[in-house]
Structure formats: structure tokens, C-alpha cells
Amino acid sequence: MNPPHAFARPDRTRALPPVGAPYSPQHTRYDEGALYRYRDGAHQLSLFWPAPSAAEIAGLATAAVEFALYSADAAAFLLYRVAGVCEWSDVAFNIHLVPEAERELPEEPTGERARFILTLVNADDGLVKARRLVSLDKVMTQAIRHVMREQLAQPFDRAAYDRAVIAAHGRYPDGDAMAAAAEFMEAALG
């Protein structure tokens, strides 16, 4: 068995709001959904769920997590599943949607695992209900890095991105179907 992976602590990491605190001081309510970004040397997936149950909060902190990656033209989709908490769900992304001043590309060298922070926010009051740090498999780490670098190398067309998202959701009626078509699927560690 391999020893647990120890993450170097980037010196540029901004403090994340603690569990129980507002996700953002500017907002107290959010639409239901998910936000994926790469920031401060870690992948971050924030889930905005209305009134998350005690079981969902506990599950996010301890249950097995899987990730998958599906690419479709100008859009890529990070798929995620938390055992006993949520079935396959997706969040579309393109590096060009991140403001240029905040844009950051993953830097993990080949053979390293990426840090991945999951945050559960109560969409009804904006409070952080759970947070968990896991690591991505080495293959998934490189796959996401590659997709982001390819996106950055291409000119961005918002209309083409929106069409790609609509087409993918039309092609795959649910997260299970999109996950089955994903190029990569891996269990997270931690």
C-alpha cells in the first residue's frame, strides 16, 4: 500500500471561509448549482444546495467521491458523484470564463496528484455547511490540466461554448449518461 499523499501548502493560498461562515460576505442566497474553478493551487468545486440535510452534510465529509471528465468542443465538463449523497452531476467549464486577472492553470508535474477542495453551501442562507480536501488520481490530474491548457490555447467564442453545453446536455439526458461517455473517470483519494 502506498503511503498517504502529503500536499505542499502553497504560500499563495487565500483563506477559505470556515464551515458555518458565509461563503461570501456579498451574498446570502445562491441559485442551486455548482461552481468549478482552479485557484490557489487547488481545484475547487462549490456545491450550492438548498437546505442540505444532515445526511448530505455528513456524506460530503466522509463518503467516497468520484470524478469524471468529458470534453465537447468549446466546453469541458467536470462530473462528480458522492456515494449516498448525489448521483453523477456535471459542471461545465472553460478557462476563458475565469477573469484574466484570476486565471490560473494547474501546475502539478506529471506523476503528482492534485488537491481538490469540495465545499457545500446552503443556497438558502449562503453559509458553508461542509468542506473536504481530497486528491485527484494522477491520470485525472493530468487530464484536467491538459484540457485547460488546450482551452487557453484556443480563441474563445462564448456562443460556441453555450452551444456546446446545450448540445451535450441534449445528447446526455442525465449525469449517468454523460459519465458513461467521459474520457476519464477516477475515484478521489481522501
C-alpha atoms as a PDB file:
ATOM      1  CA  MET A   1       0.000   0.000   0.000  1.00  0.00           C
ATOM      2  CA  ASN A   2       1.275   3.465  -0.880  1.00  0.00           C
ATOM      3  CA  PRO A   3       1.722   5.999   1.910  1.00  0.00           C
ATOM      4  CA  PRO A   4      -0.810   8.840   2.034  1.00  0.00           C
ATOM      5  CA  HIS A   5      -0.027  11.754  -0.227  1.00  0.00           C
ATOM      6  CA  ALA A   6       1.137  14.898   1.563  1.00  0.00           C
ATOM      7  CA  PHE A   7       0.294  18.166  -0.162  1.00  0.00           C
ATOM      8  CA  ALA A   8       2.707  21.035  -0.208  1.00  0.00           C
ATOM      9  CA  ARG A   9       0.943  24.081   1.176  1.00  0.00           C
ATOM     10  CA  PRO A  10       1.129  26.827  -1.435  1.00  0.00           C
ATOM     11  CA  ASP A  11       2.115  30.131   0.114  1.00  0.00           C
ATOM     12  CA  ARG A  12      -0.410  31.951  -2.056  1.00  0.00           C
ATOM     13  CA  THR A  13      -3.479  30.165  -0.701  1.00  0.00           C
ATOM     14  CA  ARG A  14      -6.258  32.535   0.297  1.00  0.00           C
ATOM     15  CA  ALA A  15      -8.164  31.581   3.389  1.00  0.00           C
ATOM     16  CA  LEU A  16     -11.400  29.802   2.591  1.00  0.00           C
ATOM     17  CA  PRO A  17     -14.413  30.719   4.680  1.00  0.00           C
ATOM     18  CA  PRO A  18     -14.724  28.235   7.547  1.00  0.00           C
ATOM     19  CA  VAL A  19     -17.648  25.873   7.980  1.00  0.00           C
ATOM     20  CA  GLY A  20     -20.516  27.863   9.490  1.00  0.00           C
ATOM     21  CA  ALA A  21     -19.405  31.174   7.958  1.00  0.00           C
ATOM     22  CA  PRO A  22     -20.843  32.904   4.887  1.00  0.00           C
ATOM     23  CA  TYR A  23     -19.395  31.642   1.600  1.00  0.00           C
ATOM     24  CA  SER A  24     -19.149  35.277   0.529  1.00  0.00           C
ATOM     25  CA  PRO A  25     -19.889  38.401   2.555  1.00  0.00           C
ATOM     26  CA  GLN A  26     -21.577  39.898  -0.529  1.00  0.00           C
ATOM     27  CA  HIS A  27     -24.296  37.219  -0.839  1.00  0.00           C
ATOM     28  CA  THR A  28     -26.748  35.456   1.432  1.00  0.00           C
ATOM     29  CA  ARG A  29     -28.593  33.409  -1.206  1.00  0.00           C
ATOM     30  CA  TYR A  30     -27.498  31.461  -4.273  1.00  0.00           C
ATOM     31  CA  ASP A  31     -29.173  29.683  -7.125  1.00  0.00           C
ATOM     32  CA  GLU A  32     -28.939  25.915  -6.839  1.00  0.00           C
ATOM     33  CA  GLY A  33     -25.944  24.694  -8.792  1.00  0.00           C
ATOM     34  CA  ALA A  34     -22.208  24.195  -8.790  1.00  0.00           C
ATOM     35  CA  LEU A  35     -19.115  26.301  -9.408  1.00  0.00           C
ATOM     36  CA  TYR A  36     -15.813  24.774 -10.506  1.00  0.00           C
ATOM     37  CA  ARG A  37     -12.544  26.675 -10.688  1.00  0.00           C
ATOM     38  CA  TYR A  38      -8.831  26.193 -10.239  1.00  0.00           C
ATOM     39  CA  ARG A  39      -7.499  28.668  -7.709  1.00  0.00           C
ATOM     40  CA  ASP A  40      -4.548  28.961  -5.354  1.00  0.00           C
ATOM     41  CA  GLY A  41      -3.014  25.680  -6.457  1.00  0.00           C
ATOM     42  CA  ALA A  42      -6.160  23.595  -5.942  1.00  0.00           C
ATOM     43  CA  HIS A  43      -9.232  22.542  -7.869  1.00  0.00           C
ATOM     44  CA  GLN A  44     -12.337  23.830  -6.101  1.00  0.00           C
ATOM     45  CA  LEU A  45     -15.889  22.583  -6.507  1.00  0.00           C
ATOM     46  CA  SER A  46     -18.513  24.548  -4.603  1.00  0.00           C
ATOM     47  CA  LEU A  47     -21.964  22.973  -4.434  1.00  0.00           C
ATOM     48  CA  PHE A  48     -24.895  25.286  -3.732  1.00  0.00           C
ATOM     49  CA  TRP A  49     -27.786  23.147  -2.469  1.00  0.00           C
ATOM     50  CA  PRO A  50     -30.979  24.425  -0.847  1.00  0.00           C
ATOM     51  CA  ALA A  51     -31.309  23.264   2.775  1.00  0.00           C
ATOM     52  CA  PRO A  52     -28.783  20.398   2.663  1.00  0.00           C
ATOM     53  CA  SER A  53     -29.770  17.604   5.029  1.00  0.00           C
ATOM     54  CA  ALA A  54     -27.631  16.355   7.912  1.00  0.00           C
ATOM     55  CA  ALA A  55     -27.008  13.166   5.895  1.00  0.00           C
ATOM     56  CA  GLU A  56     -25.832  15.185   2.855  1.00  0.00           C
ATOM     57  CA  ILE A  57     -23.520  17.278   5.034  1.00  0.00           C
ATOM     58  CA  ALA A  58     -22.047  14.214   6.769  1.00  0.00           C
ATOM     59  CA  GLY A  59     -21.797  12.310   3.483  1.00  0.00           C
ATOM     60  CA  LEU A  60     -19.883  15.061   1.760  1.00  0.00           C
ATOM     61  CA  ALA A  61     -17.327  14.907   4.574  1.00  0.00           C
ATOM     62  CA  THR A  62     -16.823  11.134   4.535  1.00  0.00           C
ATOM     63  CA  ALA A  63     -18.353   9.311   1.544  1.00  0.00           C
ATOM     64  CA  ALA A  64     -16.451   8.050  -1.491  1.00  0.00           C
ATOM     65  CA  VAL A  65     -16.069  10.685  -4.211  1.00  0.00           C
ATOM     66  CA  GLU A  66     -15.589  10.036  -7.926  1.00  0.00           C
ATOM     67  CA  PHE A  67     -14.742  12.447 -10.710  1.00  0.00           C
ATOM     68  CA  ALA A  68     -15.025  12.166 -14.480  1.00  0.00           C
ATOM     69  CA  LEU A  69     -14.044  14.435 -17.351  1.00  0.00           C
ATOM     70  CA  TYR A  70     -15.935  14.866 -20.602  1.00  0.00           C
ATOM     71  CA  SER A  71     -14.934  17.301 -23.363  1.00  0.00           C
ATOM     72  CA  ALA A  72     -17.226  18.627 -26.077  1.00  0.00           C
ATOM     73  CA  ASP A  73     -15.870  21.251 -28.457  1.00  0.00           C
ATOM     74  CA  ALA A  74     -15.518  24.570 -26.594  1.00  0.00           C
ATOM     75  CA  ALA A  75     -16.793  23.139 -23.303  1.00  0.00           C
ATOM     76  CA  ALA A  76     -15.470  20.614 -20.849  1.00  0.00           C
ATOM     77  CA  PHE A  77     -17.476  19.021 -18.080  1.00  0.00           C
ATOM     78  CA  LEU A  78     -16.276  18.013 -14.655  1.00  0.00           C
ATOM     79  CA  LEU A  79     -18.557  15.274 -13.421  1.00  0.00           C
ATOM     80  CA  TYR A  80     -18.756  14.329  -9.762  1.00  0.00           C
ATOM     81  CA  ARG A  81     -20.530  11.728  -7.654  1.00  0.00           C
ATOM     82  CA  VAL A  82     -20.586  11.415  -3.871  1.00  0.00           C
ATOM     83  CA  ALA A  83     -21.689   7.950  -2.726  1.00  0.00           C
ATOM     84  CA  GLY A  84     -25.059   8.062  -0.979  1.00  0.00           C
ATOM     85  CA  VAL A  85     -25.237  11.847  -1.359  1.00  0.00           C
ATOM     86  CA  CYS A  86     -25.541  12.726  -5.051  1.00  0.00           C
ATOM     87  CA  GLU A  87     -25.581  10.825  -8.303  1.00  0.00           C
ATOM     88  CA  TRP A  88     -23.432  11.841 -11.254  1.00  0.00           C
ATOM     89  CA  SER A  89     -23.760  15.580 -11.786  1.00  0.00           C
ATOM     90  CA  ASP A  90     -21.798  17.930 -14.005  1.00  0.00           C
ATOM     91  CA  VAL A  91     -20.465  21.432 -14.156  1.00  0.00           C
ATOM     92  CA  ALA A  92     -19.332  22.875 -17.491  1.00  0.00           C
ATOM     93  CA  PHE A  93     -16.163  24.918 -17.669  1.00  0.00           C
ATOM     94  CA  ASN A  94     -13.796  26.779 -19.929  1.00  0.00           C
ATOM     95  CA  ILE A  95     -10.697  28.549 -18.625  1.00  0.00           C
ATOM     96  CA  HIS A  96     -11.681  31.671 -20.595  1.00  0.00           C
ATOM     97  CA  LEU A  97     -14.722  32.158 -18.330  1.00  0.00           C
ATOM     98  CA  VAL A  98     -12.386  32.988 -15.447  1.00  0.00           C
ATOM     99  CA  PRO A  99     -11.431  36.677 -15.446  1.00  0.00           C
ATOM    100  CA  GLU A 100      -7.908  37.022 -16.835  1.00  0.00           C
ATOM    101  CA  ALA A 101      -6.570  38.543 -13.602  1.00  0.00           C
ATOM    102  CA  GLU A 102      -7.793  35.469 -11.677  1.00  0.00           C
ATOM    103  CA  ARG A 103      -6.932  32.864 -14.317  1.00  0.00           C
ATOM    104  CA  GLU A 104      -4.562  30.178 -13.137  1.00  0.00           C
ATOM    105  CA  LEU A 105      -3.516  26.916 -14.752  1.00  0.00           C
ATOM    106  CA  PRO A 106      -2.776  23.748 -12.809  1.00  0.00           C
ATOM    107  CA  GLU A 107       0.930  23.304 -12.235  1.00  0.00           C
ATOM    108  CA  GLU A 108       1.144  19.743 -10.904  1.00  0.00           C
ATOM    109  CA  PRO A 109       4.026  17.942 -12.602  1.00  0.00           C
ATOM    110  CA  THR A 110       3.432  14.610 -14.295  1.00  0.00           C
ATOM    111  CA  GLY A 111       3.040  11.901 -11.666  1.00  0.00           C
ATOM    112  CA  GLU A 112       1.635  14.201  -8.973  1.00  0.00           C
ATOM    113  CA  ARG A 113      -1.892  14.277  -7.588  1.00  0.00           C
ATOM    114  CA  ALA A 114      -3.865  17.500  -7.488  1.00  0.00           C
ATOM    115  CA  ARG A 115      -5.549  18.928  -4.420  1.00  0.00           C
ATOM    116  CA  PHE A 116      -9.319  19.131  -4.778  1.00  0.00           C
ATOM    117  CA  ILE A 117     -11.494  21.050  -2.327  1.00  0.00           C
ATOM    118  CA  LEU A 118     -15.218  20.262  -2.123  1.00  0.00           C
ATOM    119  CA  THR A 119     -17.393  22.865  -0.415  1.00  0.00           C
ATOM    120  CA  LEU A 120     -21.106  22.520   0.356  1.00  0.00           C
ATOM    121  CA  VAL A 121     -23.012  25.792   0.711  1.00  0.00           C
ATOM    122  CA  ASN A 122     -26.606  26.163   1.832  1.00  0.00           C
ATOM    123  CA  ALA A 123     -28.077  28.070  -1.112  1.00  0.00           C
ATOM    124  CA  ASP A 124     -30.874  29.412   1.122  1.00  0.00           C
ATOM    125  CA  ASP A 125     -28.663  31.319   3.567  1.00  0.00           C
ATOM    126  CA  GLY A 126     -25.180  31.318   1.967  1.00  0.00           C
ATOM    127  CA  LEU A 127     -23.480  29.503   4.861  1.00  0.00           C
ATOM    128  CA  VAL A 128     -20.732  26.926   4.317  1.00  0.00           C
ATOM    129  CA  LYS A 129     -22.051  23.613   5.659  1.00  0.00           C
ATOM    130  CA  ALA A 130     -19.150  21.262   4.850  1.00  0.00           C
ATOM    131  CA  ARG A 131     -15.697  21.243   3.308  1.00  0.00           C
ATOM    132  CA  ARG A 132     -13.413  18.399   2.347  1.00  0.00           C
ATOM    133  CA  LEU A 133      -9.969  18.086   0.814  1.00  0.00           C
ATOM    134  CA  VAL A 134      -9.354  15.096  -1.434  1.00  0.00           C
ATOM    135  CA  SER A 135      -6.751  14.363  -4.065  1.00  0.00           C
ATOM    136  CA  LEU A 136      -7.318  13.572  -7.701  1.00  0.00           C
ATOM    137  CA  ASP A 137      -5.810  10.498  -9.263  1.00  0.00           C
ATOM    138  CA  LYS A 138      -2.615  11.172 -11.222  1.00  0.00           C
ATOM    139  CA  VAL A 139      -4.327  10.485 -14.554  1.00  0.00           C
ATOM    140  CA  MET A 140      -7.263  12.793 -13.809  1.00  0.00           C
ATOM    141  CA  THR A 141      -4.845  15.475 -12.598  1.00  0.00           C
ATOM    142  CA  GLN A 142      -3.051  15.469 -15.946  1.00  0.00           C
ATOM    143  CA  ALA A 143      -6.257  15.165 -17.977  1.00  0.00           C
ATOM    144  CA  ILE A 144      -7.789  18.300 -16.447  1.00  0.00           C
ATOM    145  CA  ARG A 145      -4.509  20.179 -16.774  1.00  0.00           C
ATOM    146  CA  HIS A 146      -4.303  19.181 -20.457  1.00  0.00           C
ATOM    147  CA  VAL A 147      -7.907  20.259 -21.177  1.00  0.00           C
ATOM    148  CA  MET A 148      -7.378  23.645 -19.517  1.00  0.00           C
ATOM    149  CA  ARG A 149      -4.158  24.263 -21.442  1.00  0.00           C
ATOM    150  CA  GLU A 150      -5.862  23.324 -24.717  1.00  0.00           C
ATOM    151  CA  GLN A 151      -8.748  25.663 -23.920  1.00  0.00           C
ATOM    152  CA  LEU A 152      -6.357  28.527 -23.200  1.00  0.00           C
ATOM    153  CA  ALA A 153      -4.517  27.951 -26.495  1.00  0.00           C
ATOM    154  CA  GLN A 154      -7.755  28.383 -28.464  1.00  0.00           C
ATOM    155  CA  PRO A 155      -9.617  31.637 -29.082  1.00  0.00           C
ATOM    156  CA  PHE A 156     -12.811  31.808 -27.026  1.00  0.00           C
ATOM    157  CA  ASP A 157     -16.261  32.191 -28.517  1.00  0.00           C
ATOM    158  CA  ARG A 158     -18.957  32.422 -25.832  1.00  0.00           C
ATOM    159  CA  ALA A 159     -21.730  31.485 -28.265  1.00  0.00           C
ATOM    160  CA  ALA A 160     -19.835  28.344 -29.331  1.00  0.00           C
ATOM    161  CA  TYR A 161     -19.302  27.441 -25.665  1.00  0.00           C
ATOM    162  CA  ASP A 162     -23.013  27.886 -24.892  1.00  0.00           C
ATOM    163  CA  ARG A 163     -23.953  25.758 -27.932  1.00  0.00           C
ATOM    164  CA  ALA A 164     -21.544  23.020 -26.811  1.00  0.00           C
ATOM    165  CA  VAL A 165     -23.084  22.965 -23.314  1.00  0.00           C
ATOM    166  CA  ILE A 166     -26.638  22.828 -24.701  1.00  0.00           C
ATOM    167  CA  ALA A 167     -25.698  20.107 -27.206  1.00  0.00           C
ATOM    168  CA  ALA A 168     -24.005  17.952 -24.548  1.00  0.00           C
ATOM    169  CA  HIS A 169     -26.977  18.236 -22.201  1.00  0.00           C
ATOM    170  CA  GLY A 170     -29.281  17.375 -25.120  1.00  0.00           C
ATOM    171  CA  ARG A 171     -27.153  14.358 -26.053  1.00  0.00           C
ATOM    172  CA  TYR A 172     -26.925  13.030 -22.485  1.00  0.00           C
ATOM    173  CA  PRO A 173     -30.220  13.117 -20.578  1.00  0.00           C
ATOM    174  CA  ASP A 174     -28.565  12.804 -17.159  1.00  0.00           C
ATOM    175  CA  GLY A 175     -25.250  12.673 -15.375  1.00  0.00           C
ATOM    176  CA  ASP A 176     -25.046   8.881 -15.599  1.00  0.00           C
ATOM    177  CA  ALA A 177     -25.202   9.039 -19.394  1.00  0.00           C
ATOM    178  CA  MET A 178     -22.546  11.752 -19.605  1.00  0.00           C
ATOM    179  CA  ALA A 179     -20.307   9.902 -17.134  1.00  0.00           C
ATOM    180  CA  ALA A 180     -20.578   6.778 -19.289  1.00  0.00           C
ATOM    181  CA  ALA A 181     -19.233   8.826 -22.226  1.00  0.00           C
ATOM    182  CA  ALA A 182     -16.479  10.518 -20.197  1.00  0.00           C
ATOM    183  CA  GLU A 183     -12.895  10.243 -21.347  1.00  0.00           C
ATOM    184  CA  PHE A 184     -11.652   9.793 -17.773  1.00  0.00           C
ATOM    185  CA  MET A 185     -13.249   8.547 -14.574  1.00  0.00           C
ATOM    186  CA  GLU A 186     -11.399   8.085 -11.292  1.00  0.00           C
ATOM    187  CA  ALA A 187     -12.080   7.778  -7.582  1.00  0.00           C
ATOM    188  CA  ALA A 188     -10.678  10.576  -5.431  1.00  0.00           C
ATOM    189  CA  LEU A 189      -8.411   9.792  -2.511  1.00  0.00           C
ATOM    190  CA  GLY A 190      -9.192  11.103   0.945  1.00  0.00           C
END
